[in-house]
Amino acid sequence: MSGVWVFKNGVIRLVENPPGEKKVLVHLPTGEAITSYTSLERILSGLGWERYYEDPNMFQFHKKSSPDLISLPKDISKFKSVHMYDIVVKNPNIFHVRDM
């Protein structure tokens, strides 16, 4: 997880993506920046991931050959770097997170 620790009014908290520090998920074989769940689903399907419909508030994928589950917020505007890194870890050498 990336971010900056901010201390304000006696409280410290992690700000995940401070202004000017935006991240993007990149599909390495094509160099495509993932900007929609449609393009992400297309790529993940090609890698053997299938949609999982257990939670209607989440956009989820699983592989029959693995216990792994990728869980993403239904609203792509809430798609954060922690979700990107989850995809990267479960798909090594296929995705990468880069600064915009």
PDB file of N, CA and C in Angstrom:
ATOM      1  N   MET A   1       0.857  -1.161   0.000  1.00  0.00           N
ATOM      2  CA  MET A   1       0.000   0.000   0.000  1.00  0.00           C
ATOM      3  C   MET A   1       0.903   1.223   0.000  1.00  0.00           C
ATOM      4  N   SER A   2       0.546   2.210  -0.763  1.00  0.00           N
ATOM      5  CA  SER A   2       1.333   3.429  -0.814  1.00  0.00           C
ATOM      6  C   SER A   2       0.547   4.559  -0.185  1.00  0.00           C
ATOM      7  N   GLY A   3       1.256   5.592   0.165  1.00  0.00           N
ATOM      8  CA  GLY A   3       0.606   6.753   0.731  1.00  0.00           C
ATOM      9  C   GLY A   3       1.550   7.550   1.587  1.00  0.00           C
ATOM     10  N   VAL A   4       0.990   8.481   2.292  1.00  0.00           N
ATOM     11  CA  VAL A   4       1.756   9.364   3.149  1.00  0.00           C
ATOM     12  C   VAL A   4       1.075   9.422   4.502  1.00  0.00           C
ATOM     13  N   TRP A   5       1.870   9.326   5.576  1.00  0.00           N
ATOM     14  CA  TRP A   5       1.334   9.487   6.917  1.00  0.00           C
ATOM     15  C   TRP A   5       1.204  10.967   7.207  1.00  0.00           C
ATOM     16  N   VAL A   6       0.010  11.398   7.620  1.00  0.00           N
ATOM     17  CA  VAL A   6      -0.258  12.803   7.894  1.00  0.00           C
ATOM     18  C   VAL A   6      -0.590  12.955   9.374  1.00  0.00           C
ATOM     19  N   PHE A   7       0.096  13.889  10.030  1.00  0.00           N
ATOM     20  CA  PHE A   7      -0.157  14.192  11.437  1.00  0.00           C
ATOM     21  C   PHE A   7      -0.847  15.541  11.506  1.00  0.00           C
ATOM     22  N   LYS A   8      -2.072  15.559  12.022  1.00  0.00           N
ATOM     23  CA  LYS A   8      -2.850  16.799  12.082  1.00  0.00           C
ATOM     24  C   LYS A   8      -3.716  16.777  13.333  1.00  0.00           C
ATOM     25  N   ASN A   9      -3.676  17.843  14.101  1.00  0.00           N
ATOM     26  CA  ASN A   9      -4.490  17.982  15.313  1.00  0.00           C
ATOM     27  C   ASN A   9      -4.327  16.801  16.270  1.00  0.00           C
ATOM     28  N   GLY A  10      -3.098  16.315  16.399  1.00  0.00           N
ATOM     29  CA  GLY A  10      -2.820  15.230  17.326  1.00  0.00           C
ATOM     30  C   GLY A  10      -3.212  13.851  16.839  1.00  0.00           C
ATOM     31  N   VAL A  11      -3.623  13.739  15.588  1.00  0.00           N
ATOM     32  CA  VAL A  11      -4.044  12.456  15.023  1.00  0.00           C
ATOM     33  C   VAL A  11      -3.175  12.146  13.810  1.00  0.00           C
ATOM     34  N   ILE A  12      -2.705  10.894  13.741  1.00  0.00           N
ATOM     35  CA  ILE A  12      -1.933  10.475  12.575  1.00  0.00           C
ATOM     36  C   ILE A  12      -2.785   9.512  11.756  1.00  0.00           C
ATOM     37  N   ARG A  13      -2.755   9.695  10.441  1.00  0.00           N
ATOM     38  CA  ARG A  13      -3.527   8.808   9.565  1.00  0.00           C
ATOM     39  C   ARG A  13      -2.799   8.657   8.237  1.00  0.00           C
ATOM     40  N   LEU A  14      -3.091   7.572   7.548  1.00  0.00           N
ATOM     41  CA  LEU A  14      -2.489   7.303   6.247  1.00  0.00           C
ATOM     42  C   LEU A  14      -3.390   7.861   5.160  1.00  0.00           C
ATOM     43  N   VAL A  15      -2.841   8.732   4.325  1.00  0.00           N
ATOM     44  CA  VAL A  15      -3.555   9.244   3.163  1.00  0.00           C
ATOM     45  C   VAL A  15      -3.039   8.426   1.994  1.00  0.00           C
ATOM     46  N   GLU A  16      -3.923   7.568   1.426  1.00  0.00           N
ATOM     47  CA  GLU A  16      -3.471   6.593   0.436  1.00  0.00           C
ATOM     48  C   GLU A  16      -2.899   7.224  -0.820  1.00  0.00           C
ATOM     49  N   ASN A  17      -3.622   8.106  -1.450  1.00  0.00           N
ATOM     50  CA  ASN A  17      -3.142   8.743  -2.669  1.00  0.00           C
ATOM     51  C   ASN A  17      -3.172  10.250  -2.500  1.00  0.00           C
ATOM     52  N   PRO A  18      -2.110  10.809  -1.925  1.00  0.00           N
ATOM     53  CA  PRO A  18      -2.105  12.255  -1.737  1.00  0.00           C
ATOM     54  C   PRO A  18      -2.192  12.964  -3.087  1.00  0.00           C
ATOM     55  N   PRO A  19      -2.627  14.205  -3.090  1.00  0.00           N
ATOM     56  CA  PRO A  19      -2.719  14.946  -4.358  1.00  0.00           C
ATOM     57  C   PRO A  19      -1.399  14.882  -5.115  1.00  0.00           C
ATOM     58  N   GLY A  20      -1.509  14.622  -6.408  1.00  0.00           N
ATOM     59  CA  GLY A  20      -0.325  14.532  -7.255  1.00  0.00           C
ATOM     60  C   GLY A  20       0.334  13.165  -7.245  1.00  0.00           C
ATOM     61  N   GLU A  21      -0.209  12.207  -6.512  1.00  0.00           N
ATOM     62  CA  GLU A  21       0.376  10.874  -6.433  1.00  0.00           C
ATOM     63  C   GLU A  21      -0.652   9.827  -6.839  1.00  0.00           C
ATOM     64  N   LYS A  22      -1.112   9.879  -8.066  1.00  0.00           N
ATOM     65  CA  LYS A  22      -2.118   8.943  -8.575  1.00  0.00           C
ATOM     66  C   LYS A  22      -1.433   7.715  -9.150  1.00  0.00           C
ATOM     67  N   LYS A  23      -2.108   6.586  -9.047  1.00  0.00           N
ATOM     68  CA  LYS A  23      -1.592   5.311  -9.540  1.00  0.00           C
ATOM     69  C   LYS A  23      -2.484   4.798 -10.663  1.00  0.00           C
ATOM     70  N   VAL A  24      -1.888   3.958 -11.511  1.00  0.00           N
ATOM     71  CA  VAL A  24      -2.641   3.323 -12.585  1.00  0.00           C
ATOM     72  C   VAL A  24      -2.180   1.872 -12.684  1.00  0.00           C
ATOM     73  N   LEU A  25      -3.134   0.971 -12.938  1.00  0.00           N
ATOM     74  CA  LEU A  25      -2.845  -0.443 -13.148  1.00  0.00           C
ATOM     75  C   LEU A  25      -2.566  -0.638 -14.640  1.00  0.00           C
ATOM     76  N   VAL A  26      -1.435  -1.258 -14.945  1.00  0.00           N
ATOM     77  CA  VAL A  26      -1.021  -1.443 -16.342  1.00  0.00           C
ATOM     78  C   VAL A  26      -0.904  -2.923 -16.649  1.00  0.00           C
ATOM     79  N   HIS A  27      -1.474  -3.333 -17.779  1.00  0.00           N
ATOM     80  CA  HIS A  27      -1.338  -4.698 -18.282  1.00  0.00           C
ATOM     81  C   HIS A  27      -0.020  -4.746 -19.049  1.00  0.00           C
ATOM     82  N   LEU A  28       0.985  -5.434 -18.503  1.00  0.00           N
ATOM     83  CA  LEU A  28       2.334  -5.397 -19.065  1.00  0.00           C
ATOM     84  C   LEU A  28       2.459  -5.911 -20.504  1.00  0.00           C
ATOM     85  N   PRO A  29       1.830  -7.049 -20.869  1.00  0.00           N
ATOM     86  CA  PRO A  29       2.006  -7.537 -22.239  1.00  0.00           C
ATOM     87  C   PRO A  29       1.563  -6.543 -23.315  1.00  0.00           C
ATOM     88  N   THR A  30       0.549  -5.727 -23.036  1.00  0.00           N
ATOM     89  CA  THR A  30       0.051  -4.789 -24.046  1.00  0.00           C
ATOM     90  C   THR A  30       0.393  -3.336 -23.734  1.00  0.00           C
ATOM     91  N   GLY A  31       0.795  -3.061 -22.494  1.00  0.00           N
ATOM     92  CA  GLY A  31       1.054  -1.685 -22.084  1.00  0.00           C
ATOM     93  C   GLY A  31      -0.218  -0.886 -21.835  1.00  0.00           C
ATOM     94  N   GLU A  32      -1.367  -1.569 -21.825  1.00  0.00           N
ATOM     95  CA  GLU A  32      -2.668  -0.912 -21.658  1.00  0.00           C
ATOM     96  C   GLU A  32      -2.893  -0.509 -20.206  1.00  0.00           C
ATOM     97  N   ALA A  33      -3.262   0.753 -19.997  1.00  0.00           N
ATOM     98  CA  ALA A  33      -3.667   1.215 -18.673  1.00  0.00           C
ATOM     99  C   ALA A  33      -5.116   0.785 -18.461  1.00  0.00           C
ATOM    100  N   ILE A  34      -5.397   0.170 -17.340  1.00  0.00           N
ATOM    101  CA  ILE A  34      -6.746  -0.311 -17.052  1.00  0.00           C
ATOM    102  C   ILE A  34      -7.580   0.853 -16.537  1.00  0.00           C
ATOM    103  N   THR A  35      -8.587   1.228 -17.317  1.00  0.00           N
ATOM    104  CA  THR A  35      -9.430   2.376 -16.961  1.00  0.00           C
ATOM    105  C   THR A  35     -10.883   1.995 -16.741  1.00  0.00           C
ATOM    106  N   SER A  36     -11.206   0.719 -16.950  1.00  0.00           N
ATOM    107  CA  SER A  36     -12.587   0.278 -16.736  1.00  0.00           C
ATOM    108  C   SER A  36     -12.594  -1.189 -16.316  1.00  0.00           C
ATOM    109  N   TYR A  37     -13.676  -1.562 -15.654  1.00  0.00           N
ATOM    110  CA  TYR A  37     -13.819  -2.964 -15.271  1.00  0.00           C
ATOM    111  C   TYR A  37     -14.045  -3.845 -16.494  1.00  0.00           C
ATOM    112  N   THR A  38     -14.567  -3.290 -17.557  1.00  0.00           N
ATOM    113  CA  THR A  38     -14.768  -4.063 -18.791  1.00  0.00           C
ATOM    114  C   THR A  38     -13.430  -4.545 -19.334  1.00  0.00           C
ATOM    115  N   SER A  39     -12.453  -3.649 -19.422  1.00  0.00           N
ATOM    116  CA  SER A  39     -11.136  -4.050 -19.936  1.00  0.00           C
ATOM    117  C   SER A  39     -10.430  -4.982 -18.942  1.00  0.00           C
ATOM    118  N   LEU A  40     -10.592  -4.734 -17.652  1.00  0.00           N
ATOM    119  CA  LEU A  40      -9.985  -5.605 -16.653  1.00  0.00           C
ATOM    120  C   LEU A  40     -10.584  -7.009 -16.722  1.00  0.00           C
ATOM    121  N   GLU A  41     -11.897  -7.086 -16.846  1.00  0.00           N
ATOM    122  CA  GLU A  41     -12.559  -8.395 -16.924  1.00  0.00           C
ATOM    123  C   GLU A  41     -12.115  -9.158 -18.169  1.00  0.00           C
ATOM    124  N   ARG A  42     -11.962  -8.473 -19.282  1.00  0.00           N
ATOM    125  CA  ARG A  42     -11.497  -9.110 -20.522  1.00  0.00           C
ATOM    126  C   ARG A  42     -10.123  -9.742 -20.320  1.00  0.00           C
ATOM    127  N   ILE A  43      -9.220  -9.004 -19.707  1.00  0.00           N
ATOM    128  CA  ILE A  43      -7.855  -9.506 -19.488  1.00  0.00           C
ATOM    129  C   ILE A  43      -7.858 -10.643 -18.475  1.00  0.00           C
ATOM    130  N   LEU A  44      -8.555 -10.458 -17.350  1.00  0.00           N
ATOM    131  CA  LEU A  44      -8.588 -11.505 -16.329  1.00  0.00           C
ATOM    132  C   LEU A  44      -9.226 -12.784 -16.855  1.00  0.00           C
ATOM    133  N   SER A  45     -10.259 -12.659 -17.675  1.00  0.00           N
ATOM    134  CA  SER A  45     -10.900 -13.849 -18.266  1.00  0.00           C
ATOM    135  C   SER A  45      -9.904 -14.627 -19.112  1.00  0.00           C
ATOM    136  N   GLY A  46      -9.080 -13.908 -19.847  1.00  0.00           N
ATOM    137  CA  GLY A  46      -8.047 -14.546 -20.663  1.00  0.00           C
ATOM    138  C   GLY A  46      -6.988 -15.260 -19.836  1.00  0.00           C
ATOM    139  N   LEU A  47      -6.878 -14.878 -18.574  1.00  0.00           N
ATOM    140  CA  LEU A  47      -5.914 -15.504 -17.663  1.00  0.00           C
ATOM    141  C   LEU A  47      -6.543 -16.616 -16.833  1.00  0.00           C
ATOM    142  N   GLY A  48      -7.808 -16.931 -17.089  1.00  0.00           N
ATOM    143  CA  GLY A  48      -8.474 -18.021 -16.382  1.00  0.00           C
ATOM    144  C   GLY A  48      -9.308 -17.603 -15.187  1.00  0.00           C
ATOM    145  N   TRP A  49      -9.437 -16.310 -14.942  1.00  0.00           N
ATOM    146  CA  TRP A  49     -10.278 -15.827 -13.850  1.00  0.00           C
ATOM    147  C   TRP A  49     -11.726 -15.779 -14.300  1.00  0.00           C
ATOM    148  N   GLU A  50     -12.636 -16.116 -13.396  1.00  0.00           N
ATOM    149  CA  GLU A  50     -14.072 -16.095 -13.693  1.00  0.00           C
ATOM    150  C   GLU A  50     -14.774 -15.163 -12.718  1.00  0.00           C
ATOM    151  N   ARG A  51     -15.873 -14.556 -13.182  1.00  0.00           N
ATOM    152  CA  ARG A  51     -16.664 -13.692 -12.295  1.00  0.00           C
ATOM    153  C   ARG A  51     -17.265 -14.530 -11.178  1.00  0.00           C
ATOM    154  N   TYR A  52     -17.319 -13.957 -10.016  1.00  0.00           N
ATOM    155  CA  TYR A  52     -17.865 -14.582  -8.818  1.00  0.00           C
ATOM    156  C   TYR A  52     -18.958 -13.650  -8.331  1.00  0.00           C
ATOM    157  N   TYR A  53     -20.175 -14.155  -8.223  1.00  0.00           N
ATOM    158  CA  TYR A  53     -21.341 -13.308  -7.953  1.00  0.00           C
ATOM    159  C   TYR A  53     -21.871 -13.444  -6.526  1.00  0.00           C
ATOM    160  N   GLU A  54     -21.029 -13.769  -5.556  1.00  0.00           N
ATOM    161  CA  GLU A  54     -21.467 -13.983  -4.178  1.00  0.00           C
ATOM    162  C   GLU A  54     -21.936 -12.693  -3.506  1.00  0.00           C
ATOM    163  N   ASP A  55     -21.219 -11.588  -3.713  1.00  0.00           N
ATOM    164  CA  ASP A  55     -21.523 -10.319  -3.052  1.00  0.00           C
ATOM    165  C   ASP A  55     -21.948  -9.288  -4.098  1.00  0.00           C
ATOM    166  N   PRO A  56     -23.204  -8.837  -4.087  1.00  0.00           N
ATOM    167  CA  PRO A  56     -23.673  -7.887  -5.105  1.00  0.00           C
ATOM    168  C   PRO A  56     -23.034  -6.502  -4.997  1.00  0.00           C
ATOM    169  N   ASN A  57     -22.356  -6.213  -3.880  1.00  0.00           N
ATOM    170  CA  ASN A  57     -21.706  -4.917  -3.703  1.00  0.00           C
ATOM    171  C   ASN A  57     -20.251  -4.916  -4.158  1.00  0.00           C
ATOM    172  N   MET A  58     -19.794  -6.071  -4.627  1.00  0.00           N
ATOM    173  CA  MET A  58     -18.395  -6.218  -5.042  1.00  0.00           C
ATOM    174  C   MET A  58     -18.328  -6.749  -6.469  1.00  0.00           C
ATOM    175  N   PHE A  59     -17.230  -6.461  -7.117  1.00  0.00           N
ATOM    176  CA  PHE A  59     -16.901  -6.996  -8.426  1.00  0.00           C
ATOM    177  C   PHE A  59     -15.791  -8.000  -8.138  1.00  0.00           C
ATOM    178  N   GLN A  60     -16.099  -9.319  -8.242  1.00  0.00           N
ATOM    179  CA  GLN A  60     -15.164 -10.335  -7.790  1.00  0.00           C
ATOM    180  C   GLN A  60     -14.810 -11.341  -8.882  1.00  0.00           C
ATOM    181  N   PHE A  61     -13.593 -11.883  -8.760  1.00  0.00           N
ATOM    182  CA  PHE A  61     -13.090 -12.897  -9.679  1.00  0.00           C
ATOM    183  C   PHE A  61     -12.431 -14.004  -8.878  1.00  0.00           C
ATOM    184  N   HIS A  62     -12.522 -15.238  -9.396  1.00  0.00           N
ATOM    185  CA  HIS A  62     -11.821 -16.361  -8.784  1.00  0.00           C
ATOM    186  C   HIS A  62     -11.322 -17.282  -9.880  1.00  0.00           C
ATOM    187  N   LYS A  63     -10.349 -18.109  -9.524  1.00  0.00           N
ATOM    188  CA  LYS A  63      -9.812 -19.128 -10.422  1.00  0.00           C
ATOM    189  C   LYS A  63     -10.149 -20.480  -9.835  1.00  0.00           C
ATOM    190  N   LYS A  64     -10.606 -21.376 -10.682  1.00  0.00           N
ATOM    191  CA  LYS A  64     -10.927 -22.725 -10.203  1.00  0.00           C
ATOM    192  C   LYS A  64      -9.686 -23.429  -9.667  1.00  0.00           C
ATOM    193  N   SER A  65      -8.531 -23.121 -10.240  1.00  0.00           N
ATOM    194  CA  SER A  65      -7.291 -23.793  -9.849  1.00  0.00           C
ATOM    195  C   SER A  65      -6.608 -23.149  -8.653  1.00  0.00           C
ATOM    196  N   SER A  66      -7.259 -22.179  -8.016  1.00  0.00           N
ATOM    197  CA  SER A  66      -6.618 -21.427  -6.943  1.00  0.00           C
ATOM    198  C   SER A  66      -7.638 -21.029  -5.869  1.00  0.00           C
ATOM    199  N   PRO A  67      -7.195 -20.880  -4.636  1.00  0.00           N
ATOM    200  CA  PRO A  67      -8.100 -20.394  -3.588  1.00  0.00           C
ATOM    201  C   PRO A  67      -8.226 -18.857  -3.605  1.00  0.00           C
ATOM    202  N   ASP A  68      -7.479 -18.196  -4.493  1.00  0.00           N
ATOM    203  CA  ASP A  68      -7.465 -16.732  -4.542  1.00  0.00           C
ATOM    204  C   ASP A  68      -8.791 -16.146  -5.005  1.00  0.00           C
ATOM    205  N   LEU A  69      -9.112 -14.995  -4.436  1.00  0.00           N
ATOM    206  CA  LEU A  69     -10.291 -14.232  -4.815  1.00  0.00           C
ATOM    207  C   LEU A  69      -9.879 -12.772  -4.937  1.00  0.00           C
ATOM    208  N   ILE A  70     -10.222 -12.152  -6.038  1.00  0.00           N
ATOM    209  CA  ILE A  70      -9.992 -10.723  -6.228  1.00  0.00           C
ATOM    210  C   ILE A  70     -11.320 -10.026  -5.964  1.00  0.00           C
ATOM    211  N   SER A  71     -11.339  -9.123  -4.982  1.00  0.00           N
ATOM    212  CA  SER A  71     -12.555  -8.389  -4.622  1.00  0.00           C
ATOM    213  C   SER A  71     -12.328  -6.903  -4.840  1.00  0.00           C
ATOM    214  N   LEU A  72     -13.175  -6.324  -5.670  1.00  0.00           N
ATOM    215  CA  LEU A  72     -13.061  -4.911  -6.018  1.00  0.00           C
ATOM    216  C   LEU A  72     -14.366  -4.203  -5.713  1.00  0.00           C
ATOM    217  N   PRO A  73     -14.299  -2.911  -5.380  1.00  0.00           N
ATOM    218  CA  PRO A  73     -15.551  -2.180  -5.132  1.00  0.00           C
ATOM    219  C   PRO A  73     -16.365  -2.069  -6.417  1.00  0.00           C
ATOM    220  N   LYS A  74     -17.673  -2.184  -6.297  1.00  0.00           N
ATOM    221  CA  LYS A  74     -18.552  -2.092  -7.472  1.00  0.00           C
ATOM    222  C   LYS A  74     -18.366  -0.754  -8.196  1.00  0.00           C
ATOM    223  N   ASP A  75     -18.167   0.311  -7.437  1.00  0.00           N
ATOM    224  CA  ASP A  75     -17.969   1.654  -7.982  1.00  0.00           C
ATOM    225  C   ASP A  75     -16.489   1.842  -8.306  1.00  0.00           C
ATOM    226  N   ILE A  76     -16.145   1.939  -9.586  1.00  0.00           N
ATOM    227  CA  ILE A  76     -14.739   2.028  -9.993  1.00  0.00           C
ATOM    228  C   ILE A  76     -14.055   3.289  -9.459  1.00  0.00           C
ATOM    229  N   SER A  77     -14.826   4.300  -9.092  1.00  0.00           N
ATOM    230  CA  SER A  77     -14.203   5.497  -8.518  1.00  0.00           C
ATOM    231  C   SER A  77     -13.594   5.201  -7.142  1.00  0.00           C
ATOM    232  N   LYS A  78     -13.963   4.073  -6.537  1.00  0.00           N
ATOM    233  CA  LYS A  78     -13.401   3.658  -5.253  1.00  0.00           C
ATOM    234  C   LYS A  78     -12.277   2.631  -5.425  1.00  0.00           C
ATOM    235  N   PHE A  79     -11.882   2.383  -6.655  1.00  0.00           N
ATOM    236  CA  PHE A  79     -10.797   1.471  -6.999  1.00  0.00           C
ATOM    237  C   PHE A  79      -9.479   2.152  -6.631  1.00  0.00           C
ATOM    238  N   LYS A  80      -8.812   1.657  -5.594  1.00  0.00           N
ATOM    239  CA  LYS A  80      -7.614   2.284  -5.030  1.00  0.00           C
ATOM    240  C   LYS A  80      -6.379   1.434  -5.297  1.00  0.00           C
ATOM    241  N   SER A  81      -5.229   1.974  -4.931  1.00  0.00           N
ATOM    242  CA  SER A  81      -3.978   1.260  -5.163  1.00  0.00           C
ATOM    243  C   SER A  81      -3.929  -0.078  -4.419  1.00  0.00           C
ATOM    244  N   VAL A  82      -4.567  -0.194  -3.272  1.00  0.00           N
ATOM    245  CA  VAL A  82      -4.579  -1.472  -2.564  1.00  0.00           C
ATOM    246  C   VAL A  82      -5.249  -2.554  -3.418  1.00  0.00           C
ATOM    247  N   HIS A  83      -6.276  -2.210  -4.174  1.00  0.00           N
ATOM    248  CA  HIS A  83      -6.929  -3.169  -5.074  1.00  0.00           C
ATOM    249  C   HIS A  83      -6.004  -3.505  -6.248  1.00  0.00           C
ATOM    250  N   MET A  84      -5.294  -2.495  -6.750  1.00  0.00           N
ATOM    251  CA  MET A  84      -4.360  -2.716  -7.853  1.00  0.00           C
ATOM    252  C   MET A  84      -3.264  -3.688  -7.441  1.00  0.00           C
ATOM    253  N   TYR A  85      -2.701  -3.468  -6.247  1.00  0.00           N
ATOM    254  CA  TYR A  85      -1.623  -4.350  -5.786  1.00  0.00           C
ATOM    255  C   TYR A  85      -2.131  -5.762  -5.526  1.00  0.00           C
ATOM    256  N   ASP A  86      -3.374  -5.929  -5.122  1.00  0.00           N
ATOM    257  CA  ASP A  86      -3.957  -7.258  -4.952  1.00  0.00           C
ATOM    258  C   ASP A  86      -3.963  -7.997  -6.297  1.00  0.00           C
ATOM    259  N   ILE A  87      -4.329  -7.292  -7.355  1.00  0.00           N
ATOM    260  CA  ILE A  87      -4.335  -7.887  -8.699  1.00  0.00           C
ATOM    261  C   ILE A  87      -2.925  -8.245  -9.133  1.00  0.00           C
ATOM    262  N   VAL A  88      -1.957  -7.358  -8.857  1.00  0.00           N
ATOM    263  CA  VAL A  88      -0.564  -7.600  -9.233  1.00  0.00           C
ATOM    264  C   VAL A  88      -0.013  -8.833  -8.529  1.00  0.00           C
ATOM    265  N   VAL A  89      -0.260  -8.963  -7.234  1.00  0.00           N
ATOM    266  CA  VAL A  89       0.257 -10.087  -6.459  1.00  0.00           C
ATOM    267  C   VAL A  89      -0.320 -11.411  -6.959  1.00  0.00           C
ATOM    268  N   LYS A  90      -1.577 -11.394  -7.359  1.00  0.00           N
ATOM    269  CA  LYS A  90      -2.232 -12.631  -7.796  1.00  0.00           C
ATOM    270  C   LYS A  90      -2.016 -12.929  -9.285  1.00  0.00           C
ATOM    271  N   ASN A  91      -1.358 -12.003  -9.983  1.00  0.00           N
ATOM    272  CA  ASN A  91      -1.046 -12.184 -11.408  1.00  0.00           C
ATOM    273  C   ASN A  91       0.369 -11.677 -11.679  1.00  0.00           C
ATOM    274  N   PRO A  92       1.387 -12.336 -11.121  1.00  0.00           N
ATOM    275  CA  PRO A  92       2.754 -11.847 -11.281  1.00  0.00           C
ATOM    276  C   PRO A  92       3.186 -11.798 -12.749  1.00  0.00           C
ATOM    277  N   ASN A  93       3.926 -10.773 -13.083  1.00  0.00           N
ATOM    278  CA  ASN A  93       4.460 -10.542 -14.433  1.00  0.00           C
ATOM    279  C   ASN A  93       3.394 -10.220 -15.472  1.00  0.00           C
ATOM    280  N   ILE A  94       2.171  -9.964 -15.038  1.00  0.00           N
ATOM    281  CA  ILE A  94       1.084  -9.619 -15.969  1.00  0.00           C
ATOM    282  C   ILE A  94       0.638  -8.177 -15.760  1.00  0.00           C
ATOM    283  N   PHE A  95       0.605  -7.736 -14.519  1.00  0.00           N
ATOM    284  CA  PHE A  95       0.183  -6.374 -14.200  1.00  0.00           C
ATOM    285  C   PHE A  95       1.273  -5.663 -13.399  1.00  0.00           C
ATOM    286  N   HIS A  96       1.217  -4.337 -13.440  1.00  0.00           N
ATOM    287  CA  HIS A  96       2.131  -3.491 -12.697  1.00  0.00           C
ATOM    288  C   HIS A  96       1.411  -2.218 -12.302  1.00  0.00           C
ATOM    289  N   VAL A  97       1.725  -1.662 -11.147  1.00  0.00           N
ATOM    290  CA  VAL A  97       1.144  -0.387 -10.719  1.00  0.00           C
ATOM    291  C   VAL A  97       2.195   0.683 -10.948  1.00  0.00           C
ATOM    292  N   ARG A  98       1.783   1.739 -11.649  1.00  0.00           N
ATOM    293  CA  ARG A  98       2.699   2.843 -11.958  1.00  0.00           C
ATOM    294  C   ARG A  98       2.096   4.168 -11.524  1.00  0.00           C
ATOM    295  N   ASP A  99       2.977   5.118 -11.273  1.00  0.00           N
ATOM    296  CA  ASP A  99       2.526   6.485 -11.022  1.00  0.00           C
ATOM    297  C   ASP A  99       2.056   7.084 -12.334  1.00  0.00           C
ATOM    298  N   MET A 100       1.027   7.908 -12.242  1.00  0.00           N
ATOM    299  CA  MET A 100       0.524   8.577 -13.452  1.00  0.00           C
ATOM    300  C   MET A 100       1.362   9.801 -13.747  1.00  0.00           C
TER     301      MET A 100
END
